Amino acid sequence: MRARTHGLLHSAAPPGPCRSFFERQSTSSFIYRNCQSNLVDISKFDFLPRVAISVPKANFRFLWNGWPGARQPAGRRRSLKDKVGQSVADEKQGSKARQRSSPNPDPFFATTLDRGLKVLSAFGPYDAWLSNSEISSRTGMPRSSVSRLTNTLVQLGYLGRNESGAYRVGSQVLSVAYPLLARFKIRQAARPFMRDFAVRAGGNVSMAMSNGLHAIMLDVTRSDDTVVSDYISDIGFSVPLYSTAVGRAILSLMTSGERSALHTRTLETAPHLAGEKAEADRGAEDCKAHGFCFVSSWRAETLAVAAPLLRTADGECLALVCATPAFQTNETEMRSDTGPRLVSLAARIRALPGDR
């Protein structure tokens, strides 16, 4: 249907995609609105009255077939079907280009989400505030991209921002983590036994689970919060699988195929850790043979023993670790006393009722 404009509306602007249109506001007036799409159905304008309408001259473009006075581009005018088809093709081409720029070959991989999570992962346990430049340096992303992501994360509560424009992790992150912690009911059941063990050992006892190339703490109990505070971990604290006692205990619960895939991923993403694979394998074999493994090299101020705990129904690997200040114990005591008692603690926790 052609609009009854009778030449009253004209465009002096160069041809281009439609960004504006009129909409009925009352029986005698219309309002000028911006349009997000490139196409507007001409039938929408069949109600225009036969009176002169004053419209802005700037940014007033029309590309409609049959509009009186509208400037048409050279060549054949495209139909609505052609224009919609071209829009779909452009979107597919843009999607392919974005996919080529992503290191992940999965066509359903959301690159923007990946970048947002990388911003959150840039913060370490000892970082009070980070600027956009520091986040950009840690993530390898352009500062302009980081700026947009941090602004969005601030609005959503995942980051906080101070007056100088620096950022820190926001409380919304903790609320997202809580459902994971709540899922492991074994934490609450095991805590009294872990606490008693920590008091006797004079250190801290933690429960950890596998998290990619790392082990992450699900729960931590301490004998004394004031003793060597620098070495004490906390819930959410992450340590490398290959380098630590608890990581090697977790490796002992994995199948050979899973450990092989893990090593391949280590070579690709963290080659600096791959050199410790041989020691990690020995630690895993110690866990299978003796029920625990001992590590003294990850942190010089602590000695640690770890024992595999269990593998959940959905395949997640859990382990226990006892870390003690090096000045109050020695390797012999850790191997002959603390390690075997930790194995007994793991067996006692596994015997507790409840879902795994």
Protein backbone atom coordinates (compact mmCIF):
# COMPACT_ATOMS: atom_id res chain seq x y z
CA MET A 1 0.00 0.00 0.00
CA ARG A 2 1.37 3.43 -0.95
CA ALA A 3 1.32 6.28 1.50
CA ARG A 4 -0.95 9.26 0.76
CA THR A 5 1.75 11.86 1.21
CA HIS A 6 1.00 13.91 -1.92
CA GLY A 7 4.54 15.24 -1.94
CA LEU A 8 4.26 16.94 1.46
CA LEU A 9 7.24 15.13 3.05
CA HIS A 10 10.57 15.31 1.31
CA SER A 11 14.15 14.41 2.19
CA ALA A 12 17.10 16.56 1.29
CA ALA A 13 19.58 14.20 2.99
CA PRO A 14 21.80 11.79 1.06
CA PRO A 15 20.36 8.32 0.54
CA GLY A 16 20.95 5.83 3.34
CA PRO A 17 19.21 3.34 5.65
CA CYS A 18 16.06 4.55 7.33
CA ARG A 19 16.69 5.66 10.92
CA SER A 20 13.51 7.65 11.53
CA PHE A 21 9.76 7.43 11.20
CA PHE A 22 6.55 9.11 12.27
CA GLU A 23 4.19 7.65 14.79
CA ARG A 24 0.68 8.77 15.61
CA GLN A 25 0.61 10.63 18.91
CA SER A 26 -2.98 11.87 18.76
CA THR A 27 -5.63 12.43 16.16
CA SER A 28 -3.94 15.60 14.96
CA SER A 29 -0.22 15.28 15.66
CA PHE A 30 2.66 12.92 15.20
CA ILE A 31 5.95 12.35 16.97
CA TYR A 32 9.34 11.83 15.42
CA ARG A 33 11.11 8.69 16.65
CA ASN A 34 14.37 6.88 16.00
CA CYS A 35 14.19 3.47 14.46
CA GLN A 36 16.73 0.71 15.19
CA SER A 37 15.98 -1.34 12.09
CA ASN A 38 16.96 -0.55 8.52
CA LEU A 39 13.47 -1.22 7.18
CA VAL A 40 10.10 0.25 8.05
CA ASP A 41 6.83 -1.01 6.59
CA ILE A 42 5.46 1.72 4.27
CA SER A 43 1.93 0.75 5.31
CA LYS A 44 2.59 2.33 8.70
CA PHE A 45 2.38 5.74 7.02
CA ASP A 46 -0.98 5.31 5.32
CA PHE A 47 -2.59 7.35 8.07
CA LEU A 48 -0.60 10.57 7.35
CA PRO A 49 -3.03 13.54 7.04
CA ARG A 50 -3.13 15.86 4.09
CA VAL A 51 -1.50 18.71 5.97
CA ALA A 52 2.02 20.05 5.94
CA ILE A 53 4.21 18.60 8.70
CA SER A 54 7.32 20.33 9.96
CA VAL A 55 10.16 17.84 10.43
CA PRO A 56 13.86 18.15 11.33
CA LYS A 57 16.10 18.45 8.31
CA ALA A 58 19.08 16.72 9.91
CA ASN A 59 19.26 12.94 9.97
CA PHE A 60 15.97 12.65 8.08
CA ARG A 61 16.49 10.01 5.45
CA PHE A 62 14.13 7.85 3.45
CA LEU A 63 14.90 4.91 1.23
CA TRP A 64 11.39 3.81 0.36
CA ASN A 65 10.18 2.87 -3.07
CA GLY A 66 7.68 5.31 -4.43
CA TRP A 67 8.19 8.03 -1.80
CA PRO A 68 7.68 11.40 -3.54
CA GLY A 69 10.90 13.40 -3.61
CA ALA A 70 13.04 10.71 -1.94
CA ARG A 71 16.47 10.33 -3.44
CA GLN A 72 17.11 6.79 -4.58
CA PRO A 73 20.54 5.18 -4.91
CA ALA A 74 21.83 4.42 -8.35
CA GLY A 75 21.00 1.04 -9.82
CA ARG A 76 18.19 -1.38 -9.20
CA ARG A 77 16.11 -0.83 -6.05
CA ARG A 78 16.19 -3.86 -3.78
CA SER A 79 13.02 -5.50 -2.58
CA LEU A 80 12.21 -6.05 1.09
CA LYS A 81 13.07 -9.74 0.69
CA ASP A 82 16.50 -8.84 -0.73
CA LYS A 83 17.22 -6.45 2.13
CA VAL A 84 16.21 -8.92 4.85
CA GLY A 85 18.24 -11.66 3.19
CA GLN A 86 21.27 -9.40 3.04
CA SER A 87 20.89 -8.52 6.73
CA VAL A 88 20.84 -12.20 7.68
CA ALA A 89 23.88 -12.88 5.50
CA ASP A 90 25.77 -9.96 7.08
CA GLU A 91 24.98 -11.25 10.55
CA LYS A 92 26.21 -14.74 9.67
CA GLN A 93 29.38 -13.29 8.17
CA GLY A 94 29.97 -11.21 11.30
CA SER A 95 29.45 -14.26 13.49
CA LYS A 96 31.99 -16.22 11.45
CA ALA A 97 34.49 -13.37 11.72
CA ARG A 98 34.06 -13.22 15.49
CA GLN A 99 34.48 -16.97 15.70
CA ARG A 100 37.72 -16.83 13.69
CA SER A 101 39.09 -14.26 16.14
CA SER A 102 38.39 -16.58 19.09
CA PRO A 103 40.94 -19.25 20.09
CA ASN A 104 38.08 -21.63 20.91
CA PRO A 105 36.82 -23.61 17.88
CA ASP A 106 33.38 -24.22 19.42
CA PRO A 107 30.82 -22.29 17.31
CA PHE A 108 28.65 -21.81 20.42
CA PHE A 109 31.50 -20.37 22.50
CA ALA A 110 30.53 -16.90 23.80
CA THR A 111 33.68 -14.79 23.44
CA THR A 112 32.24 -11.77 25.24
CA LEU A 113 31.32 -13.86 28.27
CA ASP A 114 34.79 -15.40 28.21
CA ARG A 115 36.36 -11.94 28.29
CA GLY A 116 34.15 -10.82 31.16
CA LEU A 117 35.15 -13.85 33.22
CA LYS A 118 38.80 -13.21 32.40
CA VAL A 119 38.43 -9.75 33.92
CA LEU A 120 37.15 -11.30 37.17
CA SER A 121 39.92 -13.91 37.10
CA ALA A 122 42.56 -11.18 36.85
CA PHE A 123 42.13 -10.36 40.54
CA GLY A 124 44.37 -12.20 42.98
CA PRO A 125 43.96 -12.69 46.75
CA TYR A 126 46.38 -9.85 47.52
CA ASP A 127 45.00 -7.30 45.04
CA ALA A 128 43.17 -4.46 46.76
CA TRP A 129 42.37 -2.44 43.63
CA LEU A 130 43.26 -2.81 39.95
CA SER A 131 43.03 -0.17 37.21
CA ASN A 132 41.84 -0.82 33.67
CA SER A 133 45.48 -0.71 32.53
CA GLU A 134 46.51 -3.36 35.05
CA ILE A 135 43.58 -5.60 34.11
CA SER A 136 44.44 -5.12 30.44
CA SER A 137 48.05 -6.12 31.12
CA ARG A 138 47.01 -9.28 33.00
CA THR A 139 44.37 -10.42 30.52
CA GLY A 140 46.03 -9.36 27.28
CA MET A 141 42.85 -7.57 26.17
CA PRO A 142 42.77 -4.01 24.79
CA ARG A 143 42.16 -1.34 27.38
CA SER A 144 39.07 -0.11 25.51
CA SER A 145 37.51 -3.58 25.75
CA VAL A 146 38.44 -3.86 29.42
CA SER A 147 36.84 -0.48 30.10
CA ARG A 148 33.50 -1.58 28.68
CA LEU A 149 33.61 -4.90 30.54
CA THR A 150 34.51 -3.36 33.90
CA ASN A 151 31.75 -0.78 33.53
CA THR A 152 29.21 -3.55 32.90
CA LEU A 153 30.51 -5.65 35.80
CA VAL A 154 30.25 -2.65 38.14
CA GLN A 155 26.60 -2.14 37.18
CA LEU A 156 25.90 -5.83 37.82
CA GLY A 157 27.66 -5.83 41.20
CA TYR A 158 30.52 -8.14 40.28
CA LEU A 159 33.05 -5.31 40.62
CA GLY A 160 33.28 -2.26 42.85
CA ARG A 161 34.84 1.04 41.73
CA ASN A 162 36.48 3.76 43.82
CA GLU A 163 36.82 7.49 43.16
CA SER A 164 40.10 7.08 41.31
CA GLY A 165 38.54 4.62 38.84
CA ALA A 166 40.16 1.45 40.19
CA TYR A 167 38.25 -1.80 40.69
CA ARG A 168 37.96 -4.66 43.14
CA VAL A 169 35.83 -7.81 43.24
CA GLY A 170 32.24 -7.12 44.33
CA SER A 171 30.00 -9.02 46.71
CA GLN A 172 27.89 -10.44 43.88
CA VAL A 173 30.73 -12.88 43.16
CA LEU A 174 30.28 -14.42 46.60
CA SER A 175 26.56 -14.89 46.08
CA VAL A 176 27.27 -16.77 42.84
CA ALA A 177 29.71 -19.10 44.65
CA TYR A 178 27.36 -19.95 47.50
CA PRO A 179 25.22 -22.52 45.61
CA LEU A 180 28.40 -24.49 44.90
CA LEU A 181 29.40 -24.52 48.56
CA ALA A 182 25.87 -25.41 49.64
CA ARG A 183 25.85 -28.39 47.28
CA PHE A 184 28.64 -30.11 49.22
CA LYS A 185 26.83 -31.08 52.40
CA ILE A 186 29.86 -33.15 53.37
CA ARG A 187 31.63 -29.91 54.30
CA GLN A 188 29.38 -29.27 57.28
CA ALA A 189 29.43 -32.91 58.39
CA ALA A 190 33.22 -33.16 58.22
CA ARG A 191 34.05 -29.81 59.81
CA PRO A 192 34.08 -30.92 63.51
CA PHE A 193 36.46 -33.80 62.72
CA MET A 194 38.68 -31.54 60.62
CA ARG A 195 38.78 -29.01 63.43
CA ASP A 196 39.89 -31.58 66.01
CA PHE A 197 42.60 -32.81 63.65
CA ALA A 198 43.86 -29.27 63.02
CA VAL A 199 44.15 -28.56 66.75
CA ARG A 200 46.18 -31.71 67.36
CA ALA A 201 48.43 -31.13 64.33
CA GLY A 202 48.95 -27.44 65.10
CA GLY A 203 48.16 -26.38 61.55
CA ASN A 204 45.18 -26.17 59.24
CA VAL A 205 43.13 -28.88 57.56
CA SER A 206 41.39 -28.19 54.26
CA MET A 207 39.02 -29.97 51.93
CA ALA A 208 39.67 -29.28 48.25
CA MET A 209 38.25 -30.22 44.88
CA SER A 210 39.64 -30.25 41.34
CA ASN A 211 39.21 -27.10 39.26
CA GLY A 212 40.91 -27.37 35.89
CA LEU A 213 44.67 -27.32 36.45
CA HIS A 214 44.20 -26.36 40.09
CA ALA A 215 42.71 -27.52 43.35
CA ILE A 216 40.33 -25.09 45.06
CA MET A 217 39.53 -25.09 48.76
CA LEU A 218 35.95 -25.96 49.72
CA ASP A 219 36.46 -25.68 53.46
CA VAL A 220 39.29 -24.77 55.84
CA THR A 221 39.67 -25.29 59.59
CA ARG A 222 42.50 -23.88 61.69
CA SER A 223 44.12 -24.51 65.03
CA ASP A 224 45.10 -20.88 65.59
CA ASP A 225 44.38 -17.96 63.24
CA THR A 226 47.41 -16.04 64.51
CA VAL A 227 50.05 -18.65 63.69
CA VAL A 228 51.98 -17.88 60.51
CA SER A 229 49.03 -16.11 58.93
CA ASP A 230 50.78 -15.82 55.57
CA TYR A 231 50.56 -19.57 54.92
CA ILE A 232 46.92 -20.03 55.91
CA SER A 233 44.57 -20.61 53.01
CA ASP A 234 40.83 -19.98 52.95
CA ILE A 235 37.71 -21.05 51.10
CA GLY A 236 38.19 -20.37 47.40
CA PHE A 237 41.99 -20.37 47.62
CA SER A 238 43.47 -22.11 44.59
CA VAL A 239 46.74 -24.08 44.26
CA PRO A 240 48.33 -25.97 41.32
CA LEU A 241 47.55 -29.68 41.03
CA TYR A 242 51.07 -30.68 40.01
CA SER A 243 52.95 -28.71 42.69
CA THR A 244 50.99 -29.43 45.86
CA ALA A 245 50.19 -32.37 48.10
CA VAL A 246 46.43 -31.87 47.81
CA GLY A 247 46.72 -31.59 44.03
CA ARG A 248 48.59 -34.89 43.82
CA ALA A 249 46.01 -36.55 46.07
CA ILE A 250 43.30 -35.37 43.67
CA LEU A 251 45.31 -36.73 40.71
CA SER A 252 45.29 -40.17 42.36
CA LEU A 253 41.49 -40.21 42.03
CA MET A 254 41.56 -39.54 38.28
CA THR A 255 41.65 -42.16 35.55
CA SER A 256 44.72 -42.48 33.33
CA GLY A 257 42.75 -40.92 30.46
CA GLU A 258 41.78 -37.92 32.57
CA ARG A 259 45.37 -37.42 33.72
CA SER A 260 46.60 -37.64 30.14
CA ALA A 261 44.07 -35.03 29.01
CA LEU A 262 45.03 -32.83 31.96
CA HIS A 263 48.70 -32.99 31.00
CA THR A 264 47.89 -32.07 27.40
CA ARG A 265 45.96 -29.05 28.63
CA THR A 266 48.85 -28.15 30.95
CA LEU A 267 51.30 -28.17 28.04
CA GLU A 268 48.98 -25.92 26.04
CA THR A 269 47.97 -23.40 28.69
CA ALA A 270 50.53 -23.59 31.51
CA PRO A 271 53.77 -25.13 30.19
CA HIS A 272 55.71 -23.80 33.20
CA LEU A 273 53.87 -26.36 35.36
CA ALA A 274 54.45 -29.33 33.06
CA GLY A 275 57.98 -29.94 34.37
CA GLU A 276 56.56 -31.14 37.69
CA LYS A 277 54.53 -33.94 36.14
CA ALA A 278 57.01 -36.66 37.15
CA GLU A 279 56.92 -35.63 40.82
CA ALA A 280 53.14 -35.29 40.64
CA ASP A 281 52.84 -38.83 39.29
CA ARG A 282 55.01 -40.12 42.13
CA GLY A 283 52.81 -38.34 44.65
CA ALA A 284 49.69 -39.87 43.10
CA GLU A 285 51.28 -43.32 43.28
CA ASP A 286 52.17 -42.71 46.96
CA CYS A 287 48.50 -42.00 47.62
CA LYS A 288 47.50 -45.26 46.00
CA ALA A 289 50.15 -47.23 47.87
CA HIS A 290 50.11 -45.57 51.31
CA GLY A 291 46.91 -43.53 51.32
CA PHE A 292 48.69 -40.14 51.42
CA CYS A 293 51.55 -38.12 49.93
CA PHE A 294 54.02 -35.63 51.39
CA VAL A 295 55.23 -32.31 49.87
CA SER A 296 57.71 -29.83 51.29
CA SER A 297 58.75 -27.88 48.22
CA TRP A 298 55.71 -25.76 47.34
CA ARG A 299 56.08 -23.35 50.27
CA ALA A 300 59.28 -23.35 52.27
CA GLU A 301 57.54 -22.30 55.49
CA THR A 302 55.13 -25.25 55.54
CA LEU A 303 55.09 -29.03 55.33
CA ALA A 304 52.01 -30.76 53.99
CA VAL A 305 50.43 -34.20 53.71
CA ALA A 306 47.31 -34.93 51.69
CA ALA A 307 44.97 -37.90 51.31
CA PRO A 308 42.35 -38.59 48.63
CA LEU A 309 38.84 -38.32 50.07
CA LEU A 310 36.28 -39.42 47.50
CA ARG A 311 34.93 -39.01 44.01
CA THR A 312 31.38 -37.68 43.81
CA ALA A 313 28.60 -39.20 41.72
CA ASP A 314 29.18 -36.58 39.00
CA GLY A 315 32.94 -37.20 38.89
CA GLU A 316 34.35 -34.39 41.03
CA CYS A 317 37.51 -35.36 42.97
CA LEU A 318 37.86 -34.30 46.63
CA ALA A 319 40.90 -34.58 48.91
CA LEU A 320 42.06 -33.55 52.40
CA VAL A 321 45.29 -31.73 53.20
CA CYS A 322 47.00 -30.85 56.48
CA ALA A 323 49.56 -28.01 56.29
CA THR A 324 51.75 -27.34 59.31
CA PRO A 325 54.41 -24.65 59.94
CA ALA A 326 57.82 -26.10 59.24
CA PHE A 327 59.29 -24.77 62.49
CA GLN A 328 57.06 -26.98 64.66
CA THR A 329 57.31 -30.32 62.86
CA ASN A 330 59.51 -32.27 60.46
CA GLU A 331 59.19 -34.63 57.52
CA THR A 332 59.61 -37.76 59.64
CA GLU A 333 56.73 -36.82 61.92
CA MET A 334 54.54 -35.84 59.01
CA ARG A 335 55.13 -39.16 57.27
CA SER A 336 54.93 -41.42 60.35
CA ASP A 337 52.15 -39.72 62.34
CA THR A 338 50.22 -36.93 60.57
CA GLY A 339 49.89 -38.74 57.23
CA PRO A 340 48.44 -42.02 58.58
CA ARG A 341 46.06 -40.12 60.87
CA LEU A 342 44.88 -38.06 57.89
CA VAL A 343 44.11 -41.30 56.04
CA SER A 344 41.97 -42.38 59.00
CA LEU A 345 40.22 -39.01 58.99
CA ALA A 346 39.37 -39.41 55.29
CA ALA A 347 37.93 -42.88 55.95
CA ARG A 348 35.84 -41.55 58.82
CA ILE A 349 34.42 -38.74 56.66
CA ARG A 350 33.59 -41.16 53.85
CA ALA A 351 31.61 -43.25 56.33
CA LEU A 352 29.39 -40.31 57.29
CA PRO A 353 25.79 -40.57 56.05
CA GLY A 354 24.53 -38.34 53.29
CA ASP A 355 24.69 -37.80 49.54
CA ARG A 356 28.03 -37.42 47.80
